[in-house]
Amino acid sequence: MPVKCCFYRSPNTETMAWSENMDTLLANEEGLDAFRTFLKSEFSEENVEFWLACEDFKKTENEEKIASKAKMIYSEFIEADAPKEVSELLQNSEDSSPQLCSQLEGITFT
């Protein structure tokens, strides 16, 4: 019996959409679980955890929670020797992720 990859699900419209749109994959609980399984196999699960933490951070309006979440993101993912460090990902990124790092540092230490 052939081994099925972590993304195997019975073919239906929803799962087929995962291949076309990353947002659709990440918004779906099964899709997110499958993606996490894949990232674990590649030893890079921290990348999706960082993304999810940042998405949650963006939606936060309470000032105290903003500061608390910023500290958590910084200590978990960004500072040197963080348990789930993604700093190499941030340094090599061409988008605004390095700016996010600077913003989080400012919130954490001010």
N, C-alpha and C. Protein backbone atom coordinates (compact mmCIF):
# COMPACT_ATOMS: atom_id res chain seq x y z
N MET A 1 0.84 -1.18 0.00
CA MET A 1 0.00 0.00 0.00
C MET A 1 0.89 1.24 0.00
N PRO A 2 0.69 2.16 -0.93
CA PRO A 2 1.53 3.36 -0.99
C PRO A 2 1.33 4.26 0.22
N VAL A 3 2.41 4.91 0.63
CA VAL A 3 2.35 5.86 1.74
C VAL A 3 1.76 7.16 1.22
N LYS A 4 0.86 7.73 1.99
CA LYS A 4 0.22 8.97 1.59
C LYS A 4 0.91 10.13 2.30
N CYS A 5 1.10 11.21 1.61
CA CYS A 5 1.77 12.37 2.21
C CYS A 5 0.86 13.06 3.21
N CYS A 6 1.44 13.98 3.97
CA CYS A 6 0.68 14.66 5.02
C CYS A 6 -0.47 15.50 4.47
N PHE A 7 -0.46 15.82 3.19
CA PHE A 7 -1.51 16.63 2.60
C PHE A 7 -2.64 15.79 2.02
N TYR A 8 -2.56 14.46 2.16
CA TYR A 8 -3.59 13.63 1.56
C TYR A 8 -4.92 13.82 2.26
N ARG A 9 -5.90 14.12 1.54
CA ARG A 9 -7.28 14.17 1.98
C ARG A 9 -8.11 13.72 0.78
N SER A 10 -9.29 13.25 1.03
CA SER A 10 -10.12 12.86 -0.09
C SER A 10 -10.33 14.10 -0.97
N PRO A 11 -10.21 13.94 -2.27
CA PRO A 11 -10.32 15.10 -3.15
C PRO A 11 -11.72 15.71 -3.11
N ASN A 12 -11.79 16.94 -2.67
CA ASN A 12 -13.04 17.69 -2.73
C ASN A 12 -12.69 19.13 -3.07
N THR A 13 -13.68 19.92 -3.29
CA THR A 13 -13.46 21.30 -3.72
C THR A 13 -12.62 22.09 -2.74
N GLU A 14 -12.90 21.93 -1.45
CA GLU A 14 -12.18 22.70 -0.43
C GLU A 14 -10.69 22.34 -0.40
N THR A 15 -10.39 21.06 -0.38
CA THR A 15 -8.98 20.68 -0.32
C THR A 15 -8.26 21.00 -1.63
N MET A 16 -8.95 20.96 -2.73
CA MET A 16 -8.31 21.32 -4.01
C MET A 16 -7.95 22.81 -4.02
N ALA A 17 -8.73 23.64 -3.32
CA ALA A 17 -8.47 25.08 -3.26
C ALA A 17 -7.17 25.38 -2.50
N TRP A 18 -6.74 24.45 -1.63
CA TRP A 18 -5.51 24.67 -0.88
C TRP A 18 -4.31 24.85 -1.80
N SER A 19 -4.33 24.17 -2.92
CA SER A 19 -3.20 24.25 -3.85
C SER A 19 -3.19 25.57 -4.63
N GLU A 20 -4.28 26.29 -4.59
CA GLU A 20 -4.38 27.53 -5.35
C GLU A 20 -4.18 28.78 -4.50
N ASN A 21 -4.39 28.66 -3.18
CA ASN A 21 -4.37 29.85 -2.35
C ASN A 21 -3.92 29.51 -0.94
N MET A 22 -2.80 30.08 -0.52
CA MET A 22 -2.25 29.81 0.81
C MET A 22 -3.19 30.29 1.91
N ASP A 23 -3.88 31.41 1.70
CA ASP A 23 -4.82 31.90 2.70
C ASP A 23 -5.93 30.90 2.96
N THR A 24 -6.40 30.24 1.89
CA THR A 24 -7.44 29.23 2.02
C THR A 24 -6.93 28.05 2.83
N LEU A 25 -5.71 27.64 2.57
CA LEU A 25 -5.09 26.54 3.31
C LEU A 25 -4.99 26.88 4.80
N LEU A 26 -4.48 28.07 5.11
CA LEU A 26 -4.24 28.45 6.50
C LEU A 26 -5.52 28.78 7.26
N ALA A 27 -6.58 29.15 6.55
CA ALA A 27 -7.86 29.47 7.18
C ALA A 27 -8.66 28.21 7.51
N ASN A 28 -8.28 27.09 6.94
CA ASN A 28 -8.98 25.84 7.13
C ASN A 28 -8.26 25.01 8.19
N GLU A 29 -8.97 24.53 9.20
CA GLU A 29 -8.33 23.79 10.30
C GLU A 29 -7.58 22.56 9.81
N GLU A 30 -8.18 21.79 8.92
CA GLU A 30 -7.51 20.61 8.37
C GLU A 30 -6.31 21.02 7.53
N GLY A 31 -6.46 22.10 6.76
CA GLY A 31 -5.35 22.58 5.94
C GLY A 31 -4.19 23.03 6.80
N LEU A 32 -4.48 23.77 7.85
CA LEU A 32 -3.43 24.23 8.76
C LEU A 32 -2.75 23.04 9.43
N ASP A 33 -3.52 22.06 9.86
CA ASP A 33 -2.94 20.86 10.47
C ASP A 33 -2.02 20.12 9.49
N ALA A 34 -2.47 20.00 8.25
CA ALA A 34 -1.66 19.33 7.24
C ALA A 34 -0.38 20.12 6.96
N PHE A 35 -0.49 21.43 6.89
CA PHE A 35 0.68 22.27 6.64
C PHE A 35 1.66 22.19 7.80
N ARG A 36 1.14 22.19 9.02
CA ARG A 36 2.01 22.04 10.20
C ARG A 36 2.74 20.70 10.17
N THR A 37 2.04 19.65 9.80
CA THR A 37 2.66 18.33 9.69
C THR A 37 3.80 18.36 8.69
N PHE A 38 3.55 18.99 7.56
CA PHE A 38 4.60 19.13 6.55
C PHE A 38 5.78 19.93 7.10
N LEU A 39 5.51 21.06 7.74
CA LEU A 39 6.59 21.88 8.26
C LEU A 39 7.38 21.15 9.35
N LYS A 40 6.71 20.35 10.16
CA LYS A 40 7.42 19.54 11.15
C LYS A 40 8.40 18.61 10.46
N SER A 41 7.98 18.01 9.37
CA SER A 41 8.87 17.09 8.64
C SER A 41 10.07 17.82 8.03
N GLU A 42 9.93 19.11 7.84
CA GLU A 42 11.01 19.93 7.30
C GLU A 42 11.74 20.71 8.40
N PHE A 43 11.40 20.44 9.66
CA PHE A 43 11.99 21.11 10.82
C PHE A 43 11.83 22.63 10.74
N SER A 44 10.66 23.08 10.34
CA SER A 44 10.43 24.53 10.23
C SER A 44 9.02 24.93 10.65
N GLU A 45 8.46 24.21 11.60
CA GLU A 45 7.11 24.52 12.08
C GLU A 45 7.03 25.91 12.70
N GLU A 46 8.15 26.40 13.21
CA GLU A 46 8.15 27.73 13.85
C GLU A 46 7.73 28.83 12.88
N ASN A 47 7.93 28.62 11.59
CA ASN A 47 7.56 29.64 10.61
C ASN A 47 6.05 29.90 10.59
N VAL A 48 5.25 28.84 10.59
CA VAL A 48 3.80 29.04 10.59
C VAL A 48 3.34 29.51 11.96
N GLU A 49 3.99 29.07 13.03
CA GLU A 49 3.63 29.55 14.36
C GLU A 49 3.90 31.06 14.48
N PHE A 50 5.01 31.51 13.91
CA PHE A 50 5.34 32.94 13.90
C PHE A 50 4.29 33.71 13.10
N TRP A 51 3.94 33.20 11.93
CA TRP A 51 2.94 33.86 11.09
C TRP A 51 1.60 33.97 11.82
N LEU A 52 1.17 32.87 12.47
CA LEU A 52 -0.09 32.88 13.21
C LEU A 52 -0.05 33.88 14.37
N ALA A 53 1.08 33.93 15.07
CA ALA A 53 1.22 34.89 16.17
C ALA A 53 1.15 36.31 15.65
N CYS A 54 1.77 36.58 14.50
CA CYS A 54 1.73 37.92 13.91
C CYS A 54 0.33 38.28 13.43
N GLU A 55 -0.37 37.32 12.86
CA GLU A 55 -1.75 37.57 12.43
C GLU A 55 -2.63 37.91 13.63
N ASP A 56 -2.45 37.19 14.71
CA ASP A 56 -3.20 37.47 15.93
C ASP A 56 -2.82 38.84 16.48
N PHE A 57 -1.54 39.18 16.44
CA PHE A 57 -1.04 40.47 16.91
C PHE A 57 -1.69 41.62 16.13
N LYS A 58 -1.80 41.46 14.82
CA LYS A 58 -2.39 42.51 13.97
C LYS A 58 -3.84 42.82 14.35
N LYS A 59 -4.55 41.83 14.86
CA LYS A 59 -5.97 41.99 15.19
C LYS A 59 -6.18 42.54 16.60
N THR A 60 -5.12 42.65 17.38
CA THR A 60 -5.23 43.06 18.77
C THR A 60 -5.39 44.56 18.88
N GLU A 61 -6.36 44.99 19.67
CA GLU A 61 -6.62 46.42 19.84
C GLU A 61 -6.29 46.91 21.25
N ASN A 62 -6.38 46.07 22.24
CA ASN A 62 -6.12 46.44 23.63
C ASN A 62 -4.62 46.71 23.82
N GLU A 63 -4.27 47.90 24.32
CA GLU A 63 -2.87 48.31 24.48
C GLU A 63 -2.06 47.34 25.34
N GLU A 64 -2.64 46.87 26.44
CA GLU A 64 -1.93 45.94 27.31
C GLU A 64 -1.67 44.62 26.60
N LYS A 65 -2.66 44.15 25.86
CA LYS A 65 -2.49 42.90 25.12
C LYS A 65 -1.49 43.06 23.99
N ILE A 66 -1.46 44.23 23.36
CA ILE A 66 -0.48 44.49 22.30
C ILE A 66 0.92 44.35 22.87
N ALA A 67 1.18 44.99 24.00
CA ALA A 67 2.51 44.92 24.62
C ALA A 67 2.85 43.48 25.02
N SER A 68 1.90 42.79 25.60
CA SER A 68 2.12 41.41 26.04
C SER A 68 2.41 40.49 24.86
N LYS A 69 1.62 40.62 23.80
CA LYS A 69 1.82 39.78 22.62
C LYS A 69 3.13 40.11 21.91
N ALA A 70 3.48 41.38 21.88
CA ALA A 70 4.75 41.78 21.26
C ALA A 70 5.92 41.16 22.00
N LYS A 71 5.87 41.19 23.33
CA LYS A 71 6.93 40.57 24.14
C LYS A 71 7.02 39.08 23.87
N MET A 72 5.85 38.42 23.80
CA MET A 72 5.83 36.99 23.54
C MET A 72 6.42 36.67 22.18
N ILE A 73 6.01 37.41 21.15
CA ILE A 73 6.53 37.17 19.80
C ILE A 73 8.03 37.39 19.77
N TYR A 74 8.46 38.47 20.38
CA TYR A 74 9.90 38.77 20.39
C TYR A 74 10.68 37.68 21.11
N SER A 75 10.23 37.28 22.29
CA SER A 75 10.99 36.30 23.07
C SER A 75 10.90 34.89 22.49
N GLU A 76 9.78 34.55 21.87
CA GLU A 76 9.62 33.21 21.31
C GLU A 76 10.27 33.03 19.93
N PHE A 77 10.27 34.11 19.12
CA PHE A 77 10.65 33.95 17.72
C PHE A 77 11.81 34.81 17.23
N ILE A 78 12.06 35.95 17.85
CA ILE A 78 12.95 36.93 17.23
C ILE A 78 14.29 37.10 17.93
N GLU A 79 14.30 37.19 19.26
CA GLU A 79 15.56 37.48 19.93
C GLU A 79 16.55 36.34 19.71
N ALA A 80 17.82 36.66 19.84
CA ALA A 80 18.88 35.67 19.65
C ALA A 80 18.64 34.49 20.59
N ASP A 81 18.77 33.29 20.06
CA ASP A 81 18.58 32.04 20.79
C ASP A 81 17.15 31.85 21.31
N ALA A 82 16.18 32.46 20.66
CA ALA A 82 14.78 32.25 21.01
C ALA A 82 14.43 30.78 20.79
N PRO A 83 13.50 30.22 21.57
CA PRO A 83 13.15 28.80 21.43
C PRO A 83 12.67 28.42 20.02
N LYS A 84 12.01 29.35 19.34
CA LYS A 84 11.50 29.08 17.99
C LYS A 84 12.02 30.16 17.03
N GLU A 85 13.30 30.40 17.09
CA GLU A 85 13.90 31.52 16.38
C GLU A 85 13.63 31.50 14.87
N VAL A 86 13.20 32.64 14.36
CA VAL A 86 12.97 32.82 12.94
C VAL A 86 13.78 34.00 12.40
N SER A 87 14.78 34.45 13.14
CA SER A 87 15.51 35.65 12.75
C SER A 87 16.17 35.52 11.39
N GLU A 88 16.62 34.32 11.03
CA GLU A 88 17.21 34.13 9.70
C GLU A 88 16.16 34.36 8.63
N LEU A 89 14.96 33.89 8.87
CA LEU A 89 13.84 34.12 7.95
C LEU A 89 13.59 35.61 7.81
N LEU A 90 13.61 36.35 8.91
CA LEU A 90 13.37 37.80 8.88
C LEU A 90 14.48 38.53 8.15
N GLN A 91 15.72 38.15 8.37
CA GLN A 91 16.85 38.81 7.74
C GLN A 91 16.87 38.60 6.24
N ASN A 92 16.38 37.45 5.79
CA ASN A 92 16.41 37.12 4.37
C ASN A 92 15.13 37.53 3.65
N SER A 93 14.19 38.10 4.36
CA SER A 93 12.90 38.46 3.77
C SER A 93 12.99 39.78 3.02
N GLU A 94 12.25 39.86 1.92
CA GLU A 94 12.20 41.09 1.14
C GLU A 94 10.96 41.91 1.47
N ASP A 95 10.11 41.40 2.35
CA ASP A 95 8.90 42.15 2.70
C ASP A 95 9.14 42.97 3.97
N SER A 96 8.10 43.28 4.68
CA SER A 96 8.21 44.17 5.84
C SER A 96 8.54 43.45 7.14
N SER A 97 8.89 42.17 7.10
CA SER A 97 9.18 41.44 8.33
C SER A 97 10.29 42.06 9.16
N PRO A 98 11.39 42.56 8.57
CA PRO A 98 12.39 43.21 9.41
C PRO A 98 11.83 44.44 10.12
N GLN A 99 10.90 45.15 9.49
CA GLN A 99 10.26 46.29 10.14
C GLN A 99 9.42 45.81 11.31
N LEU A 100 8.76 44.67 11.17
CA LEU A 100 7.98 44.11 12.26
C LEU A 100 8.90 43.83 13.45
N CYS A 101 10.06 43.26 13.17
CA CYS A 101 11.01 42.97 14.23
C CYS A 101 11.38 44.24 14.98
N SER A 102 11.67 45.30 14.27
CA SER A 102 12.02 46.57 14.91
C SER A 102 10.85 47.12 15.72
N GLN A 103 9.64 47.01 15.18
CA GLN A 103 8.46 47.49 15.89
C GLN A 103 8.25 46.70 17.18
N LEU A 104 8.43 45.38 17.11
CA LEU A 104 8.26 44.56 18.29
C LEU A 104 9.31 44.88 19.34
N GLU A 105 10.55 45.11 18.91
CA GLU A 105 11.60 45.49 19.86
C GLU A 105 11.22 46.79 20.57
N GLY A 106 10.71 47.76 19.81
CA GLY A 106 10.32 49.04 20.39
C GLY A 106 9.21 48.89 21.41
N ILE A 107 8.23 48.05 21.12
CA ILE A 107 7.13 47.83 22.04
C ILE A 107 7.62 47.06 23.28
N THR A 108 8.51 46.12 23.06
CA THR A 108 8.98 45.28 24.15
C THR A 108 9.83 46.05 25.14
N PHE A 109 10.66 46.96 24.66
CA PHE A 109 11.64 47.60 25.53
C PHE A 109 11.32 49.04 25.89
N THR A 110 10.16 49.58 25.48
CA THR A 110 9.82 50.97 25.84
C THR A 110 8.73 50.99 26.87
